[in-house]
Amino acid sequence: MIVELGKVSVFNALNDKELGEVTQFCRDASLADGEVLISEHETGSSDLFVLCKGSVEVVSNDSAITSNEVTLSKLDKDIFGEVGWLCEGNRSATVRAVGPIEVIRIDGVALKNYLFNKPDIGIKVIFNIAQTLAKRLNNTDSLLKQVLWNTGF
């Protein structure tokens, strides 16, 4: 599990000892094609997920524009659930397996407590999450510009 976590951008600044400490909040899970890992608007769950093998689709039914279509796909070594983890609110989309998948489920509450108690590690992880979110925001901004351009706005 240490090797898998180390391949994810959020945890790649941690050494093996630190990654080993994070694994105490993790467990492996397997899902079949079509199974839902996160449900849009779900509350009470702040877990993070690392996609180790396979592919998932992220679907939103939050507006008439998306109409329950796939909004993006994620491939191996990607992390998801970070928005719900950071905001401690409702899940912003549904995440569904495309074929069989293997994930690492990270207990979000335990991880957050650990990072607050180990600020030297916490700053590395939070900085990497900020970079991940900034990249995703830039990609979303580019897509939005394309949509607006193509619709004549």
Foldseek 3Di string as FASTA:
>chain_A
DLVLLCLALLQVVDDSVVSVVQCVQKDKDKDFAFDWDAAFQDADAQKKKAWAAAKKFWFACPDPVRNGPGPDMDGHNYMDSNVCLVVNGTHHTIIGGHGMTMMMIGRSVVVVVVCVVVVVSVVSNVVSVVVVVVVVVVVVVVVVVVVCVVVVD
